[in-house]
Amino acid sequence: GPASRLLVKPMLRRFLREGFADFARTDEAVRASGLDWTIMRPPRLTDGARRAYRTAVDRNVRGGVTIARADLADAVLAALADPATIGHSVSLGY
């Protein structure tokens, strides 16, 4: 609502700006490294049980706000085994 637009969003932008700048610099360094790379972009990690998750290449998973650590591990192993992920970012979530 209006309170979020006028108060919360500006405050979050101010407090998170430095963290996002670090994130962007790290991303650029990986991409410019000359190495084969795949960036995994998990949402908030949980200790939940494994279940079906969704992935998206070079975009966000719509509505994917959490993922269990075990499912992240599974997705990382799958990405390592798939040469098509090299040079891309992989987002995941439920």
C-alpha atoms as a PDB file:
ATOM      1  CA  GLY A   1       0.000   0.000   0.000  1.00  0.00           C
ATOM      2  CA  PRO A   2       0.940   3.650   0.215  1.00  0.00           C
ATOM      3  CA  ALA A   3       2.913   3.214   3.446  1.00  0.00           C
ATOM      4  CA  SER A   4       5.138   0.625   1.792  1.00  0.00           C
ATOM      5  CA  ARG A   5       5.777   2.809  -1.227  1.00  0.00           C
ATOM      6  CA  LEU A   6       6.482   5.921   0.810  1.00  0.00           C
ATOM      7  CA  LEU A   7       8.291   4.526   3.849  1.00  0.00           C
ATOM      8  CA  VAL A   8       9.388   0.921   3.610  1.00  0.00           C
ATOM      9  CA  LYS A   9      10.768   0.811   0.061  1.00  0.00           C
ATOM     10  CA  PRO A  10      13.020   3.882   0.464  1.00  0.00           C
ATOM     11  CA  MET A  11      14.337   2.551   3.782  1.00  0.00           C
ATOM     12  CA  LEU A  12      15.067  -0.882   2.335  1.00  0.00           C
ATOM     13  CA  ARG A  13      16.811   0.622  -0.675  1.00  0.00           C
ATOM     14  CA  ARG A  14      19.021   2.704   1.585  1.00  0.00           C
ATOM     15  CA  PHE A  15      19.977  -0.177   3.885  1.00  0.00           C
ATOM     16  CA  LEU A  16      20.378  -2.812   1.179  1.00  0.00           C
ATOM     17  CA  ARG A  17      22.150  -0.693  -1.438  1.00  0.00           C
ATOM     18  CA  GLU A  18      25.663  -1.636  -0.303  1.00  0.00           C
ATOM     19  CA  GLY A  19      24.843  -5.349  -0.175  1.00  0.00           C
ATOM     20  CA  PHE A  20      23.399  -5.288  -3.669  1.00  0.00           C
ATOM     21  CA  ALA A  21      26.431  -3.379  -4.953  1.00  0.00           C
ATOM     22  CA  ASP A  22      28.698  -6.116  -3.550  1.00  0.00           C
ATOM     23  CA  PHE A  23      26.471  -8.732  -5.141  1.00  0.00           C
ATOM     24  CA  ALA A  24      26.715  -7.009  -8.542  1.00  0.00           C
ATOM     25  CA  ARG A  25      30.512  -6.655  -8.315  1.00  0.00           C
ATOM     26  CA  THR A  26      30.896 -10.338  -7.444  1.00  0.00           C
ATOM     27  CA  ASP A  27      28.636 -11.319 -10.329  1.00  0.00           C
ATOM     28  CA  GLU A  28      30.684  -9.198 -12.744  1.00  0.00           C
ATOM     29  CA  ALA A  29      33.963 -10.688 -11.474  1.00  0.00           C
ATOM     30  CA  VAL A  30      32.711 -14.238 -12.020  1.00  0.00           C
ATOM     31  CA  ARG A  31      31.468 -13.430 -15.524  1.00  0.00           C
ATOM     32  CA  ALA A  32      34.753 -11.705 -16.458  1.00  0.00           C
ATOM     33  CA  SER A  33      36.978 -14.431 -14.992  1.00  0.00           C
ATOM     34  CA  GLY A  34      37.580 -16.303 -18.242  1.00  0.00           C
ATOM     35  CA  LEU A  35      36.615 -19.533 -16.467  1.00  0.00           C
ATOM     36  CA  ASP A  36      33.665 -21.819 -17.079  1.00  0.00           C
ATOM     37  CA  TRP A  37      31.070 -20.758 -14.532  1.00  0.00           C
ATOM     38  CA  THR A  38      27.511 -21.348 -13.432  1.00  0.00           C
ATOM     39  CA  ILE A  39      25.928 -19.038 -10.876  1.00  0.00           C
ATOM     40  CA  MET A  40      23.314 -20.613  -8.619  1.00  0.00           C
ATOM     41  CA  ARG A  41      20.706 -18.203  -7.245  1.00  0.00           C
ATOM     42  CA  PRO A  42      18.825 -19.830  -4.383  1.00  0.00           C
ATOM     43  CA  PRO A  43      16.154 -18.012  -2.399  1.00  0.00           C
ATOM     44  CA  ARG A  44      15.903 -18.270   1.398  1.00  0.00           C
ATOM     45  CA  LEU A  45      17.268 -21.632   2.550  1.00  0.00           C
ATOM     46  CA  THR A  46      15.293 -23.916   4.856  1.00  0.00           C
ATOM     47  CA  ASP A  47      15.944 -27.198   6.631  1.00  0.00           C
ATOM     48  CA  GLY A  48      12.795 -28.701   5.114  1.00  0.00           C
ATOM     49  CA  ALA A  49      12.395 -32.069   3.445  1.00  0.00           C
ATOM     50  CA  ARG A  50      13.286 -32.534  -0.201  1.00  0.00           C
ATOM     51  CA  ARG A  51      10.483 -32.000  -2.691  1.00  0.00           C
ATOM     52  CA  ALA A  52       9.960 -30.971  -6.292  1.00  0.00           C
ATOM     53  CA  TYR A  53      11.541 -27.616  -7.086  1.00  0.00           C
ATOM     54  CA  ARG A  54      11.582 -25.405 -10.157  1.00  0.00           C
ATOM     55  CA  THR A  55      14.573 -23.905 -11.954  1.00  0.00           C
ATOM     56  CA  ALA A  56      14.920 -21.046 -14.411  1.00  0.00           C
ATOM     57  CA  VAL A  57      17.951 -20.139 -16.491  1.00  0.00           C
ATOM     58  CA  ASP A  58      18.981 -16.465 -16.648  1.00  0.00           C
ATOM     59  CA  ARG A  59      15.772 -15.311 -14.955  1.00  0.00           C
ATOM     60  CA  ASN A  60      14.027 -15.630 -11.590  1.00  0.00           C
ATOM     61  CA  VAL A  61      11.717 -18.456 -10.571  1.00  0.00           C
ATOM     62  CA  ARG A  62       8.371 -16.743 -10.183  1.00  0.00           C
ATOM     63  CA  GLY A  63       7.173 -17.067  -6.604  1.00  0.00           C
ATOM     64  CA  GLY A  64      10.207 -19.123  -5.583  1.00  0.00           C
ATOM     65  CA  VAL A  65      10.893 -17.680  -2.141  1.00  0.00           C
ATOM     66  CA  THR A  66      12.333 -20.720  -0.336  1.00  0.00           C
ATOM     67  CA  ILE A  67      14.197 -23.947  -1.001  1.00  0.00           C
ATOM     68  CA  ALA A  68      15.463 -26.707   1.268  1.00  0.00           C
ATOM     69  CA  ARG A  69      19.225 -27.038   1.571  1.00  0.00           C
ATOM     70  CA  ALA A  70      18.973 -30.639   0.333  1.00  0.00           C
ATOM     71  CA  ASP A  71      17.196 -29.482  -2.834  1.00  0.00           C
ATOM     72  CA  LEU A  72      19.815 -26.784  -3.407  1.00  0.00           C
ATOM     73  CA  ALA A  73      22.516 -29.456  -3.138  1.00  0.00           C
ATOM     74  CA  ASP A  74      20.625 -31.581  -5.676  1.00  0.00           C
ATOM     75  CA  ALA A  75      20.327 -28.622  -8.056  1.00  0.00           C
ATOM     76  CA  VAL A  76      24.042 -27.805  -7.753  1.00  0.00           C
ATOM     77  CA  LEU A  77      24.987 -31.399  -8.596  1.00  0.00           C
ATOM     78  CA  ALA A  78      22.583 -31.371 -11.552  1.00  0.00           C
ATOM     79  CA  ALA A  79      24.086 -28.102 -12.831  1.00  0.00           C
ATOM     80  CA  LEU A  80      27.622 -29.478 -12.517  1.00  0.00           C
ATOM     81  CA  ALA A  81      26.597 -32.459 -14.655  1.00  0.00           C
ATOM     82  CA  ASP A  82      24.908 -30.291 -17.314  1.00  0.00           C
ATOM     83  CA  PRO A  83      27.292 -28.417 -19.648  1.00  0.00           C
ATOM     84  CA  ALA A  84      24.338 -26.334 -20.884  1.00  0.00           C
ATOM     85  CA  THR A  85      24.431 -24.388 -17.591  1.00  0.00           C
ATOM     86  CA  ILE A  86      27.970 -23.101 -18.197  1.00  0.00           C
ATOM     87  CA  GLY A  87      27.915 -19.345 -18.630  1.00  0.00           C
ATOM     88  CA  HIS A  88      24.431 -18.977 -17.143  1.00  0.00           C
ATOM     89  CA  SER A  89      22.762 -18.256 -13.840  1.00  0.00           C
ATOM     90  CA  VAL A  90      20.292 -20.795 -12.497  1.00  0.00           C
ATOM     91  CA  SER A  91      17.554 -19.667 -10.122  1.00  0.00           C
ATOM     92  CA  LEU A  92      15.531 -22.161  -8.159  1.00  0.00           C
ATOM     93  CA  GLY A  93      12.711 -22.392  -5.674  1.00  0.00           C
ATOM     94  CA  TYR A  94       9.320 -23.917  -4.935  1.00  0.00           C
END
